[in-house]
Amino acid sequence: MQANPAPTTLVDLHSHVLPGLDDGAEDTEMALAMLRLSAERGVTSIVATPHSQIVSDHGGLGAFNERFDRTRALLDEHSIPIELLRGMEVRLLPDAPDLLSTGAYLTLNGTSTVLVEFDYTQWATYSAEVLFDIAVRGYVPLLAHVERIVPLQEQPERVRQFVEIGYHTQITAMSLLGGFGPKAQETALKLLGWGVVHSVASDMHRATGNRQPMPEGTLDRLTEIVGEDAAHLLLYTNPAALVGGKPVSPVDPKPAKRRRWGFLPF
């Protein structure tokens, strides 16, 4: 059997690399360090996705575009081979559909896909209704870091239900490596085993620690959990499809290894 060709496109769908805009890169120096490390680890495109509410509170699209242009100039100035794309991480609040429709909030690279973030600790009773409102306006919700949301850790079936509706999901690479604790890791494994994860991203905020750029070992860990084909879909094929406005491919997990005490905990 012929081996899969080495991927040439690695899109990081979720990042906080724009300097001085939200809780990500504090300044230009930190942003540059994050960009350099991303390139060293094979990333070819990064979607800048600052928190939508913080952008609104700090100058709106004008502030976003200023930081975006500054960061893109850094890439050119230092000859870093990364394409920077526009986006936002949109907090799921009742006004989100209207703000998307007016253009105050951005989708990923101008596509119909919008990166949506739930509250980390409390489940809003309006969540399903607002997601539906976003969808009927022609957008496709991409649910951010679902394995780290406490109400989804407690009731992961909700993620399965959202995927059945037609929404997409993203998990954080560092969760697979234990960087966000055992509960996030356990939830990520469960969701991957169910085949309800569509993409993996870094959600980088810093150059080091659990918020670092796409961590080394991500592909190997994914391959161990879901098999080579599914790992490539999650890390390469689907992220590229999402920013290109194309359909994602379904992920069929086939673990590559068997542990002494049994199969991976799906």
Protein backbone atom coordinates (compact mmCIF):
# COMPACT_ATOMS: atom_id res chain seq x y z
CA MET A 1 0.00 0.00 0.00
CA GLN A 2 1.32 3.42 -0.94
CA ALA A 3 1.92 5.75 2.03
CA ASN A 4 -0.04 8.97 2.29
CA PRO A 5 1.91 11.88 0.79
CA ALA A 6 3.33 14.35 3.25
CA PRO A 7 0.88 17.25 3.76
CA THR A 8 2.03 20.64 2.53
CA THR A 9 -0.66 22.81 4.13
CA LEU A 10 -1.12 23.15 7.89
CA VAL A 11 -3.74 25.72 8.83
CA ASP A 12 -4.00 26.80 12.46
CA LEU A 13 -7.68 27.76 12.70
CA HIS A 14 -7.62 29.28 16.17
CA SER A 15 -5.01 31.73 17.44
CA HIS A 16 -4.57 34.86 19.52
CA VAL A 17 -1.49 36.16 17.77
CA LEU A 18 -2.45 39.79 17.08
CA PRO A 19 -0.42 41.93 19.51
CA GLY A 20 -2.05 43.96 22.25
CA LEU A 21 -5.63 43.25 21.22
CA ASP A 22 -6.97 40.60 23.60
CA ASP A 23 -5.53 38.09 26.08
CA GLY A 24 -3.09 36.70 23.53
CA ALA A 25 0.23 38.17 22.35
CA GLU A 26 1.05 41.06 24.67
CA ASP A 27 3.27 42.89 22.20
CA THR A 28 4.98 42.67 18.82
CA GLU A 29 7.95 40.76 20.23
CA MET A 30 5.71 38.03 21.62
CA ALA A 31 3.69 37.83 18.41
CA LEU A 32 6.91 37.43 16.43
CA ALA A 33 8.06 34.60 18.68
CA MET A 34 4.72 32.82 18.21
CA LEU A 35 4.87 33.24 14.45
CA ARG A 36 8.43 31.98 14.18
CA LEU A 37 7.72 28.93 16.30
CA SER A 38 4.58 28.17 14.29
CA ALA A 39 6.59 28.21 11.07
CA GLU A 40 9.27 25.99 12.58
CA ARG A 41 6.56 23.48 13.44
CA GLY A 42 5.21 23.37 9.91
CA VAL A 43 2.27 25.78 10.10
CA THR A 44 1.64 27.44 6.73
CA SER A 45 -1.45 29.54 7.52
CA ILE A 46 -2.79 31.08 10.72
CA VAL A 47 -6.27 32.46 11.27
CA ALA A 48 -6.10 35.37 13.71
CA THR A 49 -9.14 34.87 15.94
CA PRO A 50 -9.17 37.40 18.80
CA HIS A 51 -12.13 37.36 21.18
CA SER A 52 -14.97 39.24 19.51
CA GLN A 53 -16.15 41.04 22.62
CA ILE A 54 -12.67 42.29 23.47
CA VAL A 55 -12.22 43.53 19.90
CA SER A 56 -15.51 45.45 20.19
CA ASP A 57 -14.38 46.97 23.48
CA HIS A 58 -11.02 48.07 22.06
CA GLY A 59 -11.92 49.81 18.83
CA GLY A 60 -13.80 47.25 16.78
CA LEU A 61 -12.78 46.37 13.24
CA GLY A 62 -10.53 49.41 13.00
CA ALA A 63 -8.37 48.14 15.84
CA PHE A 64 -8.50 44.60 14.45
CA ASN A 65 -7.35 45.69 10.99
CA GLU A 66 -4.53 47.81 12.41
CA ARG A 67 -3.15 44.87 14.42
CA PHE A 68 -3.73 42.48 11.54
CA ASP A 69 -1.80 44.66 9.08
CA ARG A 70 0.99 45.14 11.62
CA THR A 71 1.30 41.40 12.12
CA ARG A 72 1.25 40.66 8.41
CA ALA A 73 4.03 43.22 7.97
CA LEU A 74 6.04 41.34 10.61
CA LEU A 75 5.75 38.19 8.56
CA ASP A 76 7.05 39.99 5.47
CA GLU A 77 9.79 41.84 7.31
CA HIS A 78 11.19 38.68 8.87
CA SER A 79 10.53 36.41 5.88
CA ILE A 80 8.33 34.03 7.86
CA PRO A 81 6.50 31.75 5.38
CA ILE A 82 3.04 31.97 6.93
CA GLU A 83 -0.17 33.32 5.44
CA LEU A 84 -2.23 35.33 7.94
CA LEU A 85 -6.02 35.12 7.63
CA ARG A 86 -8.84 37.08 9.29
CA GLY A 87 -11.29 35.69 11.80
CA MET A 88 -12.67 36.06 15.33
CA GLU A 89 -13.62 33.84 18.23
CA VAL A 90 -17.25 34.78 18.71
CA ARG A 91 -18.71 34.40 22.20
CA LEU A 92 -22.13 32.79 22.03
CA LEU A 93 -24.38 35.56 23.30
CA PRO A 94 -27.88 36.52 22.08
CA ASP A 95 -26.56 39.41 19.97
CA ALA A 96 -23.97 37.31 18.12
CA PRO A 97 -26.16 36.55 15.07
CA ASP A 98 -26.91 40.25 14.53
CA LEU A 99 -23.27 41.25 14.91
CA LEU A 100 -22.25 38.61 12.40
CA SER A 101 -24.91 39.78 9.95
CA THR A 102 -23.76 43.41 10.18
CA GLY A 103 -20.10 42.47 9.70
CA ALA A 104 -19.02 43.62 13.16
CA TYR A 105 -17.94 40.04 13.86
CA LEU A 106 -15.85 38.11 11.35
CA THR A 107 -16.08 34.58 10.04
CA LEU A 108 -13.00 32.51 9.21
CA ASN A 109 -11.31 33.98 6.13
CA GLY A 110 -14.57 35.40 4.82
CA THR A 111 -16.21 31.96 4.56
CA SER A 112 -19.53 30.92 6.07
CA THR A 113 -17.73 29.25 9.02
CA VAL A 114 -17.77 31.13 12.31
CA LEU A 115 -15.66 30.09 15.30
CA VAL A 116 -18.03 30.06 18.29
CA GLU A 117 -17.04 29.96 21.95
CA PHE A 118 -19.28 28.85 24.82
CA ASP A 119 -18.93 30.10 28.38
CA TYR A 120 -16.35 27.88 30.06
CA THR A 121 -18.22 27.15 33.28
CA GLN A 122 -21.96 27.76 32.84
CA TRP A 123 -24.38 26.45 30.24
CA ALA A 124 -26.54 29.23 28.82
CA THR A 125 -30.14 28.15 28.30
CA TYR A 126 -30.21 30.07 25.00
CA SER A 127 -27.21 28.21 23.49
CA ALA A 128 -29.13 25.95 21.10
CA GLU A 129 -31.46 28.76 20.03
CA VAL A 130 -28.65 31.22 19.25
CA LEU A 131 -26.63 28.59 17.38
CA PHE A 132 -29.74 27.85 15.30
CA ASP A 133 -30.18 31.57 14.60
CA ILE A 134 -26.57 31.74 13.41
CA ALA A 135 -27.15 28.74 11.16
CA VAL A 136 -30.39 29.98 9.58
CA ARG A 137 -28.58 33.16 8.59
CA GLY A 138 -26.27 31.06 6.44
CA TYR A 139 -23.33 30.51 8.77
CA VAL A 140 -21.85 27.23 9.95
CA PRO A 141 -20.83 27.25 13.63
CA LEU A 142 -17.41 25.78 14.40
CA LEU A 143 -17.54 25.06 18.12
CA ALA A 144 -14.24 26.03 19.75
CA HIS A 145 -12.27 23.82 22.16
CA VAL A 146 -15.31 21.75 23.08
CA GLU A 147 -13.22 19.44 25.27
CA ARG A 148 -12.37 22.31 27.64
CA ILE A 149 -15.92 23.57 28.26
CA VAL A 150 -17.00 22.26 31.68
CA PRO A 151 -20.70 21.75 30.82
CA LEU A 152 -19.62 19.77 27.74
CA GLN A 153 -17.17 17.74 29.79
CA GLU A 154 -20.09 16.87 32.04
CA GLN A 155 -22.47 16.18 29.15
CA PRO A 156 -20.42 15.37 26.04
CA GLU A 157 -23.57 14.04 24.34
CA ARG A 158 -24.40 17.66 23.61
CA VAL A 159 -21.45 17.78 21.23
CA ARG A 160 -22.72 14.71 19.39
CA GLN A 161 -26.15 16.34 19.08
CA PHE A 162 -24.68 19.56 17.68
CA VAL A 163 -22.68 17.62 15.11
CA GLU A 164 -25.81 15.71 14.08
CA ILE A 165 -27.46 19.07 13.41
CA GLY A 166 -24.60 20.01 11.09
CA TYR A 167 -22.25 22.11 13.22
CA HIS A 168 -18.51 21.51 13.24
CA THR A 169 -16.12 21.16 16.18
CA GLN A 170 -12.52 22.01 17.05
CA ILE A 171 -10.35 20.70 19.86
CA THR A 172 -7.06 22.08 21.20
CA ALA A 173 -3.86 20.25 20.33
CA MET A 174 -2.42 20.69 23.82
CA SER A 175 -5.46 18.95 25.35
CA LEU A 176 -4.35 15.75 23.61
CA LEU A 177 -0.97 16.03 25.33
CA GLY A 178 -2.45 16.65 28.78
CA GLY A 179 -1.69 20.36 28.88
CA PHE A 180 -5.19 21.30 30.06
CA GLY A 181 -5.52 18.56 32.64
CA PRO A 182 -6.97 15.05 32.73
CA LYS A 183 -10.63 16.01 32.28
CA ALA A 184 -10.00 17.94 29.05
CA GLN A 185 -7.82 15.11 27.78
CA GLU A 186 -10.40 12.47 28.68
CA THR A 187 -13.17 14.45 26.97
CA ALA A 188 -11.04 14.97 23.86
CA LEU A 189 -10.40 11.22 23.63
CA LYS A 190 -14.09 10.45 24.02
CA LEU A 191 -15.16 12.94 21.35
CA LEU A 192 -12.46 11.73 18.96
CA GLY A 193 -13.58 8.16 19.52
CA TRP A 194 -17.15 9.11 18.69
CA GLY A 195 -16.00 10.72 15.45
CA VAL A 196 -17.53 14.09 16.35
CA VAL A 197 -14.37 16.20 16.06
CA HIS A 198 -13.60 17.89 12.75
CA SER A 199 -10.40 19.85 13.37
CA VAL A 200 -7.47 20.44 15.70
CA ALA A 201 -5.95 23.88 16.35
CA SER A 202 -3.50 25.45 18.78
CA ASP A 203 -5.56 28.27 20.37
CA MET A 204 -2.15 29.81 21.00
CA HIS A 205 -1.83 32.80 23.32
CA ARG A 206 1.88 32.61 24.17
CA ALA A 207 5.11 31.14 22.81
CA THR A 208 5.45 28.66 25.69
CA GLY A 209 3.33 26.63 28.11
CA ASN A 210 -0.07 25.14 27.38
CA ARG A 211 -0.98 28.10 25.15
CA GLN A 212 1.98 27.66 22.78
CA PRO A 213 1.86 27.34 18.98
CA MET A 214 0.99 23.97 17.47
CA PRO A 215 2.90 21.66 19.84
CA GLU A 216 5.40 19.14 18.59
CA GLY A 217 4.06 15.62 18.73
CA THR A 218 0.48 16.58 17.82
CA LEU A 219 0.35 14.47 14.66
CA ASP A 220 1.94 11.47 16.36
CA ARG A 221 -0.52 11.65 19.25
CA LEU A 222 -3.49 12.00 16.90
CA THR A 223 -2.27 9.07 14.84
CA GLU A 224 -2.04 6.94 17.96
CA ILE A 225 -5.60 7.85 18.95
CA VAL A 226 -7.52 7.80 15.65
CA GLY A 227 -5.17 6.35 13.03
CA GLU A 228 -3.18 7.95 10.24
CA ASP A 229 -5.99 8.82 7.84
CA ALA A 230 -8.21 10.44 10.47
CA ALA A 231 -5.22 12.29 11.98
CA HIS A 232 -4.43 13.89 8.62
CA LEU A 233 -8.06 14.91 8.17
CA LEU A 234 -8.17 16.56 11.60
CA LEU A 235 -4.88 18.39 11.37
CA TYR A 236 -4.46 19.14 7.66
CA THR A 237 -7.37 18.42 5.33
CA ASN A 238 -10.36 19.74 7.27
CA PRO A 239 -8.76 22.97 8.56
CA ALA A 240 -7.71 23.81 5.00
CA ALA A 241 -11.23 23.03 3.79
CA LEU A 242 -12.82 25.24 6.44
CA VAL A 243 -10.78 28.34 5.54
CA GLY A 244 -11.28 27.58 1.86
CA GLY A 245 -15.06 27.47 2.14
CA LYS A 246 -15.22 23.77 1.26
CA PRO A 247 -17.04 20.90 3.00
CA VAL A 248 -15.22 19.03 5.74
CA SER A 249 -14.66 15.30 5.51
CA PRO A 250 -16.16 12.94 8.09
CA VAL A 251 -13.60 11.48 10.48
CA ASP A 252 -13.60 7.70 10.98
CA PRO A 253 -11.39 6.95 14.01
CA LYS A 254 -9.28 3.82 13.74
CA PRO A 255 -6.76 3.70 16.60
CA ALA A 256 -3.30 2.70 15.48
CA LYS A 257 -2.25 1.04 18.72
CA ARG A 258 -3.66 -1.21 21.36
CA ARG A 259 -2.60 -0.74 24.95
CA ARG A 260 -1.87 -3.67 27.25
CA TRP A 261 -5.05 -3.07 29.25
CA GLY A 262 -7.33 -2.66 26.26
CA PHE A 263 -8.35 -0.19 23.64
CA LEU A 264 -8.14 3.55 24.00
CA PRO A 265 -10.97 4.86 26.23
CA PHE A 266 -13.70 5.70 23.70
